[in-house]
Structure formats: C-alpha cells, structure tokens
Amino acid sequence: MNARSYNVLFLCTGNSARSQMAEALLNDMGKGRIRAYSAGSHPAPNVQPLAAQLIADLGYPTDALRPKSWDEFAAADAPAMDIVITVCDNAAGETCPLWPGHPALAHWGVADPARTPDDPNAFKQAWLALRRRIELLLALPLDKLDRLAREQHLHQIGQTP
C-alpha cells in the first residue's frame, strides 16, 4: 500500500533565504513522503549567497534553487498544496492568493538572516530553527489529521524556538 504524498509550500516575501532553506531541508528530510516548494510575494532576483552556500556546504542539492513568485503556485496547473507555511512576518501579513484545495495554513516566523547578509551565523540560526520545526512536522501523523487538526499542530510547531 502506497502512502499518500503531501505538498508543502513555504512562503517568504523575497523567497531568497528562509523559504529556500526550508524547501531544501524538507525535500531531503521528507524522503518523498512530502514534496516541498517555496515562493515569495515579491521574489528577489537571486537566492541569498550565504543561504545557497550553507545549503551546499551541508550537502543539500542547490541546482533547483531559484526565487519564484507565489503566482506560480496559484495557477490552475500548479501542484495542489496540502500545507502553506509563511516563514516571515511580512508574508504572513500580506493578502495571499486563494490556494486551490484549501490547504492547512500556518505561520512559522523565523528571523530574517538577509537583514545581515554578511553574517553566516544568522543564516545558521535560521537553518537550525527551520530544521527543528521540520523535524516536528515530519513527526506528525498527517494521514490521520484533518485540515483543522493539521493547522493546530502546525501553529504549535511555529511557536517552537
């Protein structure tokens, strides 16, 4: 019996650091059970260099990293999202597109390492916060939770330091 696969979209205004790191982490850690994507409301021209370097240095693939508009994931031919998570306070306060299928929504505020683009420690701290929250997400019995229960669990995860 094949287990159901889930799609998760990480949103951040610029889609240049935190959401890119979350996408790389979850795609690796989800091992096919969960497919991660990332996008932004106003995507930056490039992935933050220290974010890309950290992802590469930790052995995660970087070939697919690119800032994307969230409009790509609101289109009719886009993969249906089961979960949409904002990782920055700006994106959480914006009016998001209507996501087909009514995915579970949550906010996981993570300090923006791009505010100090030359500080590798800021990127490492964001990485560690995202990794811990993704570990908690992966521990959830998603197939046994309805949308509202998923949202409750995801909101609790978002409170994890």
Protein backbone atom coordinates (compact mmCIF):
# COMPACT_ATOMS: atom_id res chain seq x y z
CA MET A 1 0.00 0.00 0.00
CA ASN A 2 1.44 3.36 -1.05
CA ALA A 3 1.43 6.16 1.49
CA ARG A 4 -0.05 9.44 0.36
CA SER A 5 2.42 12.16 -0.57
CA TYR A 6 1.91 15.75 0.64
CA ASN A 7 2.88 19.08 -0.90
CA VAL A 8 4.12 21.93 1.29
CA LEU A 9 4.70 25.50 0.14
CA PHE A 10 6.98 27.80 2.16
CA LEU A 11 6.33 31.50 1.62
CA CYS A 12 8.52 34.50 2.29
CA THR A 13 8.41 37.94 0.72
CA GLY A 14 11.69 37.66 -1.22
CA ASN A 15 11.98 33.86 -1.42
CA SER A 16 15.74 34.28 -1.17
CA ALA A 17 16.82 32.68 2.12
CA ARG A 18 14.46 31.17 4.75
CA SER A 19 11.93 29.69 2.35
CA GLN A 20 14.73 28.35 0.13
CA MET A 21 16.38 26.69 3.14
CA ALA A 22 13.06 25.19 4.25
CA GLU A 23 12.41 23.83 0.75
CA ALA A 24 15.87 22.19 0.60
CA LEU A 25 15.54 20.74 4.10
CA LEU A 26 12.05 19.31 3.71
CA ASN A 27 12.70 17.86 0.26
CA ASP A 28 15.63 15.93 1.71
CA MET A 29 14.16 15.04 5.09
CA GLY A 30 10.70 14.26 3.68
CA LYS A 31 12.18 11.40 1.62
CA GLY A 32 9.38 11.52 -0.95
CA ARG A 33 6.63 11.49 1.68
CA ILE A 34 6.48 15.28 1.44
CA ARG A 35 7.41 17.44 -1.55
CA ALA A 36 8.42 20.99 -0.63
CA TYR A 37 8.25 24.15 -2.69
CA SER A 38 8.99 27.78 -1.94
CA ALA A 39 7.86 31.12 -3.31
CA GLY A 40 7.55 34.78 -2.48
CA SER A 41 5.16 37.65 -2.94
CA HIS A 42 7.98 39.83 -4.34
CA PRO A 43 10.77 37.40 -5.26
CA ALA A 44 14.34 38.63 -5.11
CA PRO A 45 16.49 38.40 -8.24
CA ASN A 46 18.70 35.71 -6.65
CA VAL A 47 18.97 33.34 -3.73
CA GLN A 48 20.99 34.95 -0.92
CA PRO A 49 24.60 33.80 -1.45
CA LEU A 50 25.13 32.74 2.18
CA ALA A 51 21.87 30.76 2.13
CA ALA A 52 22.91 28.96 -1.06
CA GLN A 53 26.40 28.35 0.34
CA LEU A 54 25.05 26.93 3.61
CA ILE A 55 22.66 24.62 1.75
CA ALA A 56 25.51 23.39 -0.46
CA ASP A 57 28.03 23.08 2.40
CA LEU A 58 25.59 20.87 4.32
CA GLY A 59 25.28 18.55 1.32
CA TYR A 60 21.85 19.51 0.06
CA PRO A 61 21.18 19.97 -3.66
CA THR A 62 21.19 23.55 -4.91
CA ASP A 63 20.55 23.06 -8.62
CA ALA A 64 16.80 23.78 -8.34
CA LEU A 65 17.13 26.82 -6.07
CA ARG A 66 15.63 29.96 -7.57
CA PRO A 67 13.34 32.69 -6.26
CA LYS A 68 9.79 32.11 -7.52
CA SER A 69 6.59 34.12 -7.42
CA TRP A 70 3.75 32.67 -5.42
CA ASP A 71 1.63 33.23 -8.54
CA GLU A 72 3.28 30.09 -9.98
CA PHE A 73 1.59 28.05 -7.25
CA ALA A 74 -1.81 29.72 -7.53
CA ALA A 75 -2.10 28.80 -11.23
CA ALA A 76 -4.52 26.12 -12.37
CA ASP A 77 -1.72 23.76 -13.49
CA ALA A 78 0.31 24.10 -10.26
CA PRO A 79 0.64 21.19 -7.83
CA ALA A 80 -2.12 21.24 -5.21
CA MET A 81 -0.76 22.26 -1.83
CA ASP A 82 -1.72 20.43 1.35
CA ILE A 83 0.11 22.87 3.62
CA VAL A 84 1.18 26.50 3.15
CA ILE A 85 3.60 27.96 5.71
CA THR A 86 4.78 31.57 5.89
CA VAL A 87 8.24 31.92 7.40
CA CYS A 88 8.46 35.70 7.54
CA ASP A 89 6.23 38.19 9.29
CA ASN A 90 5.85 40.33 6.16
CA ALA A 91 4.45 37.47 4.08
CA ALA A 92 2.19 36.43 6.95
CA GLY A 93 0.60 39.89 6.91
CA GLU A 94 0.08 40.03 3.15
CA THR A 95 -3.05 39.01 1.32
CA CYS A 96 -2.15 35.64 -0.12
CA PRO A 97 -3.69 34.12 -3.22
CA LEU A 98 -6.57 31.73 -2.73
CA TRP A 99 -4.93 28.34 -2.72
CA PRO A 100 -6.89 25.61 -4.51
CA GLY A 101 -8.00 22.77 -2.25
CA HIS A 102 -7.99 24.84 0.95
CA PRO A 103 -4.61 23.74 2.37
CA ALA A 104 -3.76 23.95 6.05
CA LEU A 105 -2.18 27.36 6.72
CA ALA A 106 0.40 28.25 9.37
CA HIS A 107 2.97 30.87 10.26
CA TRP A 108 6.48 29.93 11.40
CA GLY A 109 8.19 33.27 11.98
CA VAL A 110 11.96 32.94 11.64
CA ALA A 111 14.39 35.86 11.99
CA ASP A 112 15.47 37.14 8.59
CA PRO A 113 19.17 36.38 8.02
CA ALA A 114 19.11 38.56 4.89
CA ARG A 115 18.99 41.61 7.18
CA THR A 116 22.62 40.84 7.94
CA PRO A 117 23.71 39.38 4.58
CA ASP A 118 27.37 39.05 5.60
CA ASP A 119 26.72 37.19 8.87
CA PRO A 120 26.95 33.42 8.34
CA ASN A 121 25.77 32.84 11.93
CA ALA A 122 22.39 34.49 11.17
CA PHE A 123 21.86 32.01 8.32
CA LYS A 124 22.90 29.07 10.54
CA GLN A 125 20.45 30.16 13.25
CA ALA A 126 17.60 30.37 10.72
CA TRP A 127 18.61 26.94 9.35
CA LEU A 128 18.56 25.37 12.82
CA ALA A 129 15.15 26.86 13.66
CA LEU A 130 13.69 25.60 10.38
CA ARG A 131 15.28 22.17 10.78
CA ARG A 132 13.79 21.72 14.26
CA ARG A 133 10.33 22.72 13.06
CA ILE A 134 10.56 20.46 10.01
CA GLU A 135 11.54 17.55 12.28
CA LEU A 136 8.35 18.22 14.27
CA LEU A 137 6.29 18.44 11.06
CA LEU A 138 7.66 15.10 9.90
CA ALA A 139 6.69 13.50 13.23
CA LEU A 140 3.02 14.38 12.67
CA PRO A 141 0.68 11.62 11.52
CA LEU A 142 -0.53 13.76 8.59
CA ASP A 143 -2.68 10.97 7.17
CA LYS A 144 -4.67 10.83 10.43
CA LEU A 145 -5.24 14.59 10.79
CA ASP A 146 -7.90 16.65 9.08
CA ARG A 147 -7.07 20.16 7.84
CA LEU A 148 -8.05 21.90 11.09
CA ALA A 149 -6.04 19.49 13.23
CA ARG A 150 -3.05 19.95 10.90
CA GLU A 151 -3.34 23.72 11.27
CA GLN A 152 -3.43 23.44 15.06
CA HIS A 153 -0.31 21.27 15.11
CA LEU A 154 1.46 23.49 12.59
CA HIS A 155 0.68 26.60 14.64
CA GLN A 156 2.12 24.89 17.74
CA ILE A 157 5.25 23.98 15.77
CA GLY A 158 5.54 27.63 14.73
CA GLN A 159 5.86 28.56 18.42
CA THR A 160 8.92 26.31 18.80
CA PRO A 161 12.10 28.36 19.34
